[in-house]
């Protein structure tokens, strides 16, 4: 069984092997003058897409793509503008056609949001789910979340 991040466990940035920096934009704010909850989905997308679309990562073979099927977000603290953020990502589970990520957004050393995202590998021509390849699973190994017992798929 895969260990899951519980909603009340405080994530540590060092447990997330993939990291990317960004800035809070003025446009991210809502009338309460903090980052709107919907913006966190964009922050998490930026982290995932930046990793997955990087051709050197080997996570997108020709003819295959990834689609989002689930995103659970836990808003943990207010985030305000101006400011910088550091986003972290780590793989926590492999399915037959899916990969699950834990993701975080940190600001000034504090976790302001965390999420669990599930993506499914699809054939771009048929738009149908397709099994993970051994090459893709191998290429994900350096992005496994630390502190989580990630069960490897049976290929």
N, C-alpha and C. Protein backbone atom coordinates (compact mmCIF):
# COMPACT_ATOMS: atom_id res chain seq x y z
N UNK A 1 0.84 -1.18 0.00
CA UNK A 1 0.00 0.00 0.00
C UNK A 1 0.89 1.25 0.00
N UNK A 2 0.48 2.26 -0.68
CA UNK A 2 1.23 3.51 -0.73
C UNK A 2 0.88 4.38 0.46
N UNK A 3 1.91 4.97 1.08
CA UNK A 3 1.67 5.92 2.15
C UNK A 3 1.13 7.20 1.53
N UNK A 4 0.12 7.78 2.15
CA UNK A 4 -0.46 9.00 1.63
C UNK A 4 -0.16 10.15 2.56
N UNK A 5 -0.03 11.31 1.99
CA UNK A 5 0.16 12.51 2.79
C UNK A 5 -1.20 12.85 3.40
N UNK A 6 -1.27 12.89 4.72
CA UNK A 6 -2.53 13.26 5.35
C UNK A 6 -2.67 14.76 5.30
N UNK A 7 -3.91 15.22 5.33
CA UNK A 7 -4.16 16.64 5.16
C UNK A 7 -3.60 17.48 6.30
N UNK A 8 -3.38 16.87 7.48
CA UNK A 8 -2.86 17.65 8.59
C UNK A 8 -1.36 17.48 8.80
N UNK A 9 -0.72 16.63 8.03
CA UNK A 9 0.74 16.49 8.11
C UNK A 9 1.38 17.69 7.44
N UNK A 10 2.36 18.30 8.09
CA UNK A 10 3.03 19.46 7.51
C UNK A 10 4.15 18.98 6.59
N UNK A 11 4.03 19.24 5.29
CA UNK A 11 5.07 18.81 4.35
C UNK A 11 6.38 19.56 4.58
N UNK A 12 7.48 18.89 4.23
CA UNK A 12 8.81 19.51 4.28
C UNK A 12 9.29 19.64 2.85
N UNK A 13 9.74 20.82 2.48
CA UNK A 13 10.16 21.08 1.11
C UNK A 13 11.27 20.13 0.67
N UNK A 14 12.16 19.77 1.58
CA UNK A 14 13.28 18.90 1.22
C UNK A 14 12.85 17.49 0.80
N UNK A 15 11.58 17.12 1.04
CA UNK A 15 11.09 15.80 0.63
C UNK A 15 10.62 15.77 -0.83
N UNK A 16 10.67 16.92 -1.49
CA UNK A 16 10.17 17.03 -2.85
C UNK A 16 11.36 17.26 -3.79
N UNK A 17 11.73 16.24 -4.57
CA UNK A 17 12.96 16.33 -5.37
C UNK A 17 12.90 17.29 -6.56
N UNK A 18 11.71 17.54 -7.10
CA UNK A 18 11.62 18.49 -8.21
C UNK A 18 11.14 19.83 -7.65
N UNK A 19 11.89 20.90 -7.96
CA UNK A 19 11.55 22.23 -7.44
C UNK A 19 11.61 23.26 -8.54
N UNK A 20 10.77 24.26 -8.42
CA UNK A 20 10.75 25.37 -9.37
C UNK A 20 10.36 26.64 -8.62
N UNK A 21 10.97 27.74 -8.99
CA UNK A 21 10.69 29.04 -8.37
C UNK A 21 9.73 29.84 -9.24
N UNK A 22 8.93 30.68 -8.60
CA UNK A 22 8.02 31.56 -9.32
C UNK A 22 7.73 32.76 -8.43
N UNK A 23 6.97 33.69 -8.96
CA UNK A 23 6.58 34.89 -8.21
C UNK A 23 5.07 34.94 -8.08
N UNK A 24 4.61 35.48 -6.96
CA UNK A 24 3.19 35.79 -6.82
C UNK A 24 2.94 37.02 -7.70
N UNK A 25 1.91 36.96 -8.51
CA UNK A 25 1.57 38.08 -9.38
C UNK A 25 0.43 38.88 -8.75
N UNK A 26 0.40 40.16 -9.01
CA UNK A 26 -0.69 41.00 -8.52
C UNK A 26 -2.03 40.44 -9.00
N UNK A 27 -2.06 39.94 -10.23
CA UNK A 27 -3.29 39.38 -10.81
C UNK A 27 -3.77 38.12 -10.10
N UNK A 28 -2.91 37.50 -9.28
CA UNK A 28 -3.29 36.28 -8.53
C UNK A 28 -4.19 36.59 -7.35
N UNK A 29 -4.31 37.86 -6.98
CA UNK A 29 -5.05 38.24 -5.77
C UNK A 29 -6.55 38.30 -6.01
N UNK A 30 -7.29 38.08 -4.92
CA UNK A 30 -8.74 38.23 -4.96
C UNK A 30 -9.12 39.48 -4.16
N UNK A 31 -10.40 39.78 -4.01
CA UNK A 31 -10.79 40.99 -3.27
C UNK A 31 -10.33 41.02 -1.81
N UNK A 32 -9.93 39.87 -1.27
CA UNK A 32 -9.41 39.82 0.10
C UNK A 32 -7.92 40.14 0.16
N UNK A 33 -7.33 40.45 -0.99
CA UNK A 33 -5.91 40.82 -1.11
C UNK A 33 -4.95 39.69 -0.78
N UNK A 34 -5.41 38.45 -0.93
CA UNK A 34 -4.51 37.30 -0.86
C UNK A 34 -4.71 36.47 -2.12
N UNK A 35 -3.80 35.52 -2.35
CA UNK A 35 -3.89 34.69 -3.55
C UNK A 35 -5.21 33.91 -3.52
N UNK A 36 -5.94 34.00 -4.62
CA UNK A 36 -7.21 33.31 -4.74
C UNK A 36 -6.99 31.81 -4.75
N UNK A 37 -7.90 31.08 -4.14
CA UNK A 37 -7.73 29.62 -4.04
C UNK A 37 -7.61 28.95 -5.40
N UNK A 38 -8.26 29.45 -6.42
CA UNK A 38 -8.19 28.84 -7.76
C UNK A 38 -6.80 28.97 -8.38
N UNK A 39 -6.03 29.96 -7.96
CA UNK A 39 -4.70 30.19 -8.51
C UNK A 39 -3.75 29.05 -8.13
N UNK A 40 -3.99 28.42 -6.99
CA UNK A 40 -3.11 27.32 -6.59
C UNK A 40 -3.10 26.20 -7.62
N UNK A 41 -4.24 25.95 -8.27
CA UNK A 41 -4.27 24.93 -9.32
C UNK A 41 -3.30 25.30 -10.44
N UNK A 42 -3.20 26.59 -10.74
CA UNK A 42 -2.26 27.05 -11.77
C UNK A 42 -0.82 26.87 -11.31
N UNK A 43 -0.53 27.20 -10.04
CA UNK A 43 0.82 26.98 -9.52
C UNK A 43 1.20 25.51 -9.63
N UNK A 44 0.29 24.62 -9.21
CA UNK A 44 0.59 23.18 -9.27
C UNK A 44 0.74 22.71 -10.71
N UNK A 45 -0.07 23.23 -11.61
CA UNK A 45 0.06 22.88 -13.03
C UNK A 45 1.42 23.32 -13.56
N UNK A 46 1.86 24.50 -13.20
CA UNK A 46 3.16 24.99 -13.65
C UNK A 46 4.26 24.02 -13.26
N UNK A 47 4.23 23.54 -12.02
CA UNK A 47 5.25 22.59 -11.57
C UNK A 47 5.22 21.30 -12.37
N UNK A 48 4.04 20.71 -12.52
CA UNK A 48 3.92 19.44 -13.25
C UNK A 48 4.31 19.59 -14.71
N UNK A 49 3.76 20.59 -15.37
CA UNK A 49 3.98 20.74 -16.81
C UNK A 49 5.44 21.07 -17.11
N UNK A 50 6.05 21.88 -16.26
CA UNK A 50 7.46 22.22 -16.48
C UNK A 50 8.32 20.96 -16.44
N UNK A 51 8.04 20.07 -15.51
CA UNK A 51 8.79 18.80 -15.44
C UNK A 51 8.44 17.91 -16.63
N UNK A 52 7.17 17.69 -16.87
CA UNK A 52 6.75 16.71 -17.87
C UNK A 52 7.12 17.11 -19.30
N UNK A 53 7.06 18.40 -19.61
CA UNK A 53 7.33 18.86 -20.97
C UNK A 53 8.81 19.08 -21.24
N UNK A 54 9.65 18.98 -20.22
CA UNK A 54 11.10 19.11 -20.40
C UNK A 54 11.57 17.85 -21.13
N UNK A 55 11.97 17.99 -22.39
CA UNK A 55 12.34 16.83 -23.20
C UNK A 55 13.49 16.03 -22.60
N UNK A 56 14.34 16.66 -21.81
CA UNK A 56 15.45 15.93 -21.20
C UNK A 56 14.98 14.99 -20.09
N UNK A 57 13.74 15.15 -19.60
CA UNK A 57 13.25 14.27 -18.54
C UNK A 57 12.79 12.91 -19.06
N UNK A 58 12.48 12.82 -20.34
CA UNK A 58 12.07 11.54 -20.93
C UNK A 58 10.71 11.06 -20.46
N UNK A 59 9.81 11.99 -20.14
CA UNK A 59 8.51 11.62 -19.59
C UNK A 59 7.38 11.72 -20.62
N UNK A 60 7.72 12.16 -21.84
CA UNK A 60 6.71 12.30 -22.89
C UNK A 60 7.20 11.72 -24.21
N UNK A 61 7.16 10.40 -24.36
CA UNK A 61 7.55 9.81 -25.64
C UNK A 61 6.64 10.30 -26.76
N UNK A 62 7.13 10.31 -27.98
CA UNK A 62 6.30 10.75 -29.12
C UNK A 62 4.99 9.97 -29.17
N UNK A 63 3.90 10.70 -29.42
CA UNK A 63 2.58 10.09 -29.57
C UNK A 63 1.84 9.88 -28.27
N UNK A 64 2.48 10.17 -27.14
CA UNK A 64 1.83 10.02 -25.84
C UNK A 64 1.74 11.36 -25.14
N UNK A 65 0.77 11.51 -24.26
CA UNK A 65 0.60 12.73 -23.50
C UNK A 65 -0.01 12.44 -22.15
N UNK A 66 -0.12 13.44 -21.34
CA UNK A 66 -0.66 13.31 -19.98
C UNK A 66 -1.90 14.17 -19.83
N UNK A 67 -2.92 13.64 -19.14
CA UNK A 67 -4.09 14.44 -18.81
C UNK A 67 -4.33 14.37 -17.31
N UNK A 68 -4.84 15.45 -16.76
CA UNK A 68 -5.16 15.54 -15.34
C UNK A 68 -6.52 14.88 -15.11
N UNK A 69 -6.59 14.00 -14.12
CA UNK A 69 -7.87 13.38 -13.79
C UNK A 69 -8.33 13.70 -12.36
N UNK A 70 -7.40 14.17 -11.53
CA UNK A 70 -7.80 14.52 -10.16
C UNK A 70 -6.79 15.49 -9.57
N UNK A 71 -7.31 16.48 -8.84
CA UNK A 71 -6.46 17.43 -8.13
C UNK A 71 -7.14 17.78 -6.81
N UNK A 72 -6.51 17.39 -5.70
CA UNK A 72 -7.00 17.70 -4.36
C UNK A 72 -6.05 18.72 -3.74
N UNK A 73 -6.59 19.90 -3.40
CA UNK A 73 -5.77 20.99 -2.89
C UNK A 73 -6.12 21.26 -1.43
N UNK A 74 -5.08 21.45 -0.63
CA UNK A 74 -5.23 21.85 0.78
C UNK A 74 -4.58 23.22 0.93
N UNK A 75 -5.41 24.25 1.10
CA UNK A 75 -4.89 25.60 1.35
C UNK A 75 -4.52 25.67 2.83
N UNK A 76 -3.28 26.01 3.13
CA UNK A 76 -2.76 25.94 4.50
C UNK A 76 -2.54 27.29 5.16
N UNK A 77 -2.29 28.33 4.37
CA UNK A 77 -2.02 29.66 4.92
C UNK A 77 -2.26 30.70 3.82
N UNK A 78 -2.49 31.93 4.23
CA UNK A 78 -2.65 33.01 3.25
C UNK A 78 -1.32 33.28 2.55
N UNK A 79 -1.43 33.59 1.30
CA UNK A 79 -0.27 33.99 0.51
C UNK A 79 -0.60 35.35 -0.08
N UNK A 80 0.31 36.28 0.06
CA UNK A 80 0.06 37.66 -0.36
C UNK A 80 1.08 38.11 -1.40
N UNK A 81 0.77 39.21 -2.05
CA UNK A 81 1.65 39.84 -3.00
C UNK A 81 2.28 41.05 -2.33
N UNK A 82 3.51 41.39 -2.65
CA UNK A 82 4.45 40.69 -3.52
C UNK A 82 5.11 39.54 -2.76
N UNK A 83 5.69 38.65 -3.51
CA UNK A 83 6.39 37.55 -2.88
C UNK A 83 6.87 36.53 -3.89
N UNK A 84 7.80 35.73 -3.44
CA UNK A 84 8.32 34.63 -4.24
C UNK A 84 7.81 33.32 -3.66
N UNK A 85 7.68 32.33 -4.50
CA UNK A 85 7.25 31.00 -4.05
C UNK A 85 8.20 29.95 -4.59
N UNK A 86 8.29 28.85 -3.87
CA UNK A 86 9.02 27.68 -4.34
C UNK A 86 8.04 26.53 -4.35
N UNK A 87 7.93 25.89 -5.50
CA UNK A 87 7.02 24.76 -5.65
C UNK A 87 7.82 23.48 -5.67
N UNK A 88 7.30 22.46 -5.01
CA UNK A 88 7.94 21.17 -4.98
C UNK A 88 7.00 20.08 -5.48
N UNK A 89 7.58 19.02 -6.03
CA UNK A 89 6.80 17.93 -6.59
C UNK A 89 7.54 16.62 -6.33
N UNK A 90 6.79 15.58 -5.99
CA UNK A 90 7.36 14.25 -5.84
C UNK A 90 6.34 13.19 -6.21
N UNK A 91 6.78 12.16 -6.90
CA UNK A 91 5.90 11.04 -7.28
C UNK A 91 5.62 10.19 -6.04
N UNK A 92 4.35 9.82 -5.85
CA UNK A 92 3.98 8.99 -4.70
C UNK A 92 3.35 7.66 -5.08
N UNK A 93 2.91 7.52 -6.33
CA UNK A 93 2.24 6.28 -6.71
C UNK A 93 2.24 6.10 -8.22
N UNK A 94 2.41 4.85 -8.63
CA UNK A 94 2.25 4.48 -10.03
C UNK A 94 1.04 3.57 -10.13
N UNK A 95 0.19 3.84 -11.11
CA UNK A 95 -0.89 2.93 -11.44
C UNK A 95 -0.54 2.25 -12.76
N UNK A 96 -1.49 1.57 -13.34
CA UNK A 96 -1.25 0.93 -14.64
C UNK A 96 -1.05 1.97 -15.73
N UNK A 97 -1.89 3.03 -15.69
CA UNK A 97 -1.81 4.09 -16.69
C UNK A 97 -1.59 5.47 -16.06
N UNK A 98 -1.43 5.51 -14.73
CA UNK A 98 -1.41 6.80 -14.04
C UNK A 98 -0.17 7.00 -13.17
N UNK A 99 0.08 8.26 -12.87
CA UNK A 99 1.12 8.65 -11.93
C UNK A 99 0.50 9.66 -10.97
N UNK A 100 0.74 9.46 -9.67
CA UNK A 100 0.23 10.37 -8.64
C UNK A 100 1.39 11.16 -8.07
N UNK A 101 1.17 12.46 -7.91
CA UNK A 101 2.17 13.38 -7.38
C UNK A 101 1.66 14.01 -6.09
N UNK A 102 2.56 14.24 -5.14
CA UNK A 102 2.33 15.19 -4.06
C UNK A 102 3.02 16.46 -4.49
N UNK A 103 2.37 17.60 -4.25
CA UNK A 103 2.92 18.89 -4.63
C UNK A 103 2.74 19.88 -3.49
N UNK A 104 3.65 20.86 -3.42
CA UNK A 104 3.59 21.88 -2.38
C UNK A 104 3.95 23.24 -2.96
N UNK A 105 3.46 24.28 -2.28
CA UNK A 105 3.88 25.66 -2.54
C UNK A 105 4.37 26.21 -1.21
N UNK A 106 5.62 26.69 -1.21
CA UNK A 106 6.22 27.28 -0.02
C UNK A 106 6.48 28.76 -0.27
N UNK A 107 6.32 29.56 0.78
CA UNK A 107 6.67 30.97 0.74
C UNK A 107 7.32 31.32 2.07
N UNK A 108 8.50 31.90 2.00
CA UNK A 108 9.24 32.30 3.20
C UNK A 108 9.36 31.15 4.20
N UNK A 109 9.63 29.95 3.69
CA UNK A 109 9.85 28.78 4.52
C UNK A 109 8.59 28.11 5.04
N UNK A 110 7.42 28.61 4.69
CA UNK A 110 6.15 28.04 5.17
C UNK A 110 5.40 27.40 4.02
N UNK A 111 4.84 26.22 4.28
CA UNK A 111 3.99 25.56 3.29
C UNK A 111 2.63 26.26 3.30
N UNK A 112 2.30 26.92 2.18
CA UNK A 112 1.03 27.64 2.10
C UNK A 112 -0.05 26.82 1.40
N UNK A 113 0.35 25.79 0.66
CA UNK A 113 -0.62 24.92 0.00
C UNK A 113 0.05 23.60 -0.37
N UNK A 114 -0.76 22.55 -0.34
CA UNK A 114 -0.29 21.24 -0.79
C UNK A 114 -1.39 20.61 -1.63
N UNK A 115 -0.99 19.64 -2.44
CA UNK A 115 -1.97 19.00 -3.32
C UNK A 115 -1.53 17.59 -3.65
N UNK A 116 -2.50 16.80 -4.04
CA UNK A 116 -2.22 15.51 -4.64
C UNK A 116 -2.86 15.54 -6.01
N UNK A 117 -2.06 15.20 -7.03
CA UNK A 117 -2.52 15.25 -8.41
C UNK A 117 -2.34 13.88 -9.05
N UNK A 118 -3.35 13.47 -9.81
CA UNK A 118 -3.28 12.20 -10.54
C UNK A 118 -3.37 12.53 -12.03
N UNK A 119 -2.38 12.03 -12.78
CA UNK A 119 -2.36 12.22 -14.23
C UNK A 119 -2.37 10.85 -14.90
N UNK A 120 -2.99 10.80 -16.07
CA UNK A 120 -3.10 9.55 -16.82
C UNK A 120 -2.39 9.72 -18.16
N UNK A 121 -1.61 8.70 -18.52
CA UNK A 121 -0.92 8.66 -19.80
C UNK A 121 -1.92 8.27 -20.88
N UNK A 122 -1.96 9.04 -21.98
CA UNK A 122 -2.88 8.72 -23.07
C UNK A 122 -2.14 8.64 -24.39
N UNK A 123 -2.74 7.90 -25.29
CA UNK A 123 -2.31 7.87 -26.68
C UNK A 123 -2.92 9.11 -27.33
N UNK A 124 -2.08 9.97 -27.90
CA UNK A 124 -2.59 11.23 -28.45
C UNK A 124 -3.51 11.03 -29.65
N UNK A 125 -3.36 9.95 -30.39
CA UNK A 125 -4.21 9.70 -31.56
C UNK A 125 -5.60 9.21 -31.14
N UNK A 126 -5.65 8.24 -30.21
CA UNK A 126 -6.94 7.66 -29.82
C UNK A 126 -7.57 8.38 -28.63
N UNK A 127 -6.76 9.15 -27.88
CA UNK A 127 -7.18 9.84 -26.65
C UNK A 127 -7.60 8.85 -25.56
N UNK A 128 -7.12 7.62 -25.64
CA UNK A 128 -7.42 6.58 -24.66
C UNK A 128 -6.23 6.38 -23.73
N UNK A 129 -6.51 6.01 -22.47
CA UNK A 129 -5.41 5.69 -21.54
C UNK A 129 -4.54 4.58 -22.10
N UNK A 130 -3.25 4.69 -21.83
CA UNK A 130 -2.30 3.69 -22.30
C UNK A 130 -1.37 3.31 -21.16
N UNK A 131 -0.96 2.06 -21.06
CA UNK A 131 -0.11 1.64 -19.93
C UNK A 131 1.22 2.39 -19.90
N UNK A 132 1.70 2.63 -18.68
CA UNK A 132 3.02 3.23 -18.49
C UNK A 132 4.06 2.30 -19.10
N UNK A 133 5.07 2.88 -19.68
CA UNK A 133 6.17 2.08 -20.22
C UNK A 133 7.26 1.95 -19.15
N UNK A 134 8.09 0.94 -19.30
CA UNK A 134 9.20 0.77 -18.35
C UNK A 134 10.15 1.97 -18.43
N UNK A 135 10.30 2.54 -19.62
CA UNK A 135 11.18 3.72 -19.78
C UNK A 135 10.63 4.92 -19.00
N UNK A 136 9.34 5.17 -19.10
CA UNK A 136 8.74 6.29 -18.36
C UNK A 136 8.89 6.08 -16.86
N UNK A 137 8.58 4.88 -16.39
CA UNK A 137 8.72 4.59 -14.95
C UNK A 137 10.17 4.78 -14.51
N UNK A 138 11.11 4.30 -15.29
CA UNK A 138 12.54 4.47 -14.97
C UNK A 138 12.89 5.96 -14.91
N UNK A 139 12.38 6.75 -15.84
CA UNK A 139 12.69 8.18 -15.87
C UNK A 139 12.06 8.96 -14.72
N UNK A 140 11.02 8.42 -14.12
CA UNK A 140 10.39 9.05 -12.95
C UNK A 140 11.14 8.77 -11.65
N UNK A 141 12.02 7.79 -11.63
CA UNK A 141 12.64 7.35 -10.38
C UNK A 141 13.35 8.47 -9.61
N UNK A 142 13.98 9.38 -10.30
CA UNK A 142 14.68 10.46 -9.59
C UNK A 142 13.73 11.48 -8.99
N UNK A 143 12.45 11.39 -9.32
CA UNK A 143 11.46 12.33 -8.81
C UNK A 143 10.55 11.73 -7.75
N UNK A 144 10.93 10.57 -7.18
CA UNK A 144 10.12 9.96 -6.11
C UNK A 144 10.18 10.82 -4.86
N UNK A 145 9.02 11.01 -4.24
CA UNK A 145 8.97 11.81 -3.02
C UNK A 145 9.71 11.08 -1.90
N UNK A 146 10.56 11.82 -1.21
CA UNK A 146 11.32 11.24 -0.10
C UNK A 146 10.37 11.01 1.09
N UNK A 147 10.62 9.93 1.82
CA UNK A 147 9.80 9.63 2.99
C UNK A 147 8.53 8.88 2.70
N UNK A 148 8.30 8.52 1.43
CA UNK A 148 7.10 7.78 1.03
C UNK A 148 7.54 6.47 0.39
N UNK A 149 6.93 5.38 0.79
CA UNK A 149 7.22 4.09 0.19
C UNK A 149 6.41 3.97 -1.09
N UNK A 150 7.04 4.26 -2.21
CA UNK A 150 6.36 4.25 -3.50
C UNK A 150 6.40 2.83 -4.07
N UNK A 151 5.23 2.23 -4.25
CA UNK A 151 5.16 0.90 -4.83
C UNK A 151 5.33 1.03 -6.34
N UNK A 152 6.25 0.27 -6.88
CA UNK A 152 6.53 0.32 -8.31
C UNK A 152 5.48 -0.49 -9.06
N UNK A 153 5.15 -0.07 -10.29
CA UNK A 153 4.13 -0.80 -11.06
C UNK A 153 4.70 -2.12 -11.55
N UNK A 154 3.79 -3.05 -11.79
CA UNK A 154 4.15 -4.30 -12.42
C UNK A 154 3.99 -4.09 -13.92
N UNK A 155 5.12 -4.14 -14.62
CA UNK A 155 5.05 -3.87 -16.08
C UNK A 155 5.14 -5.14 -16.87
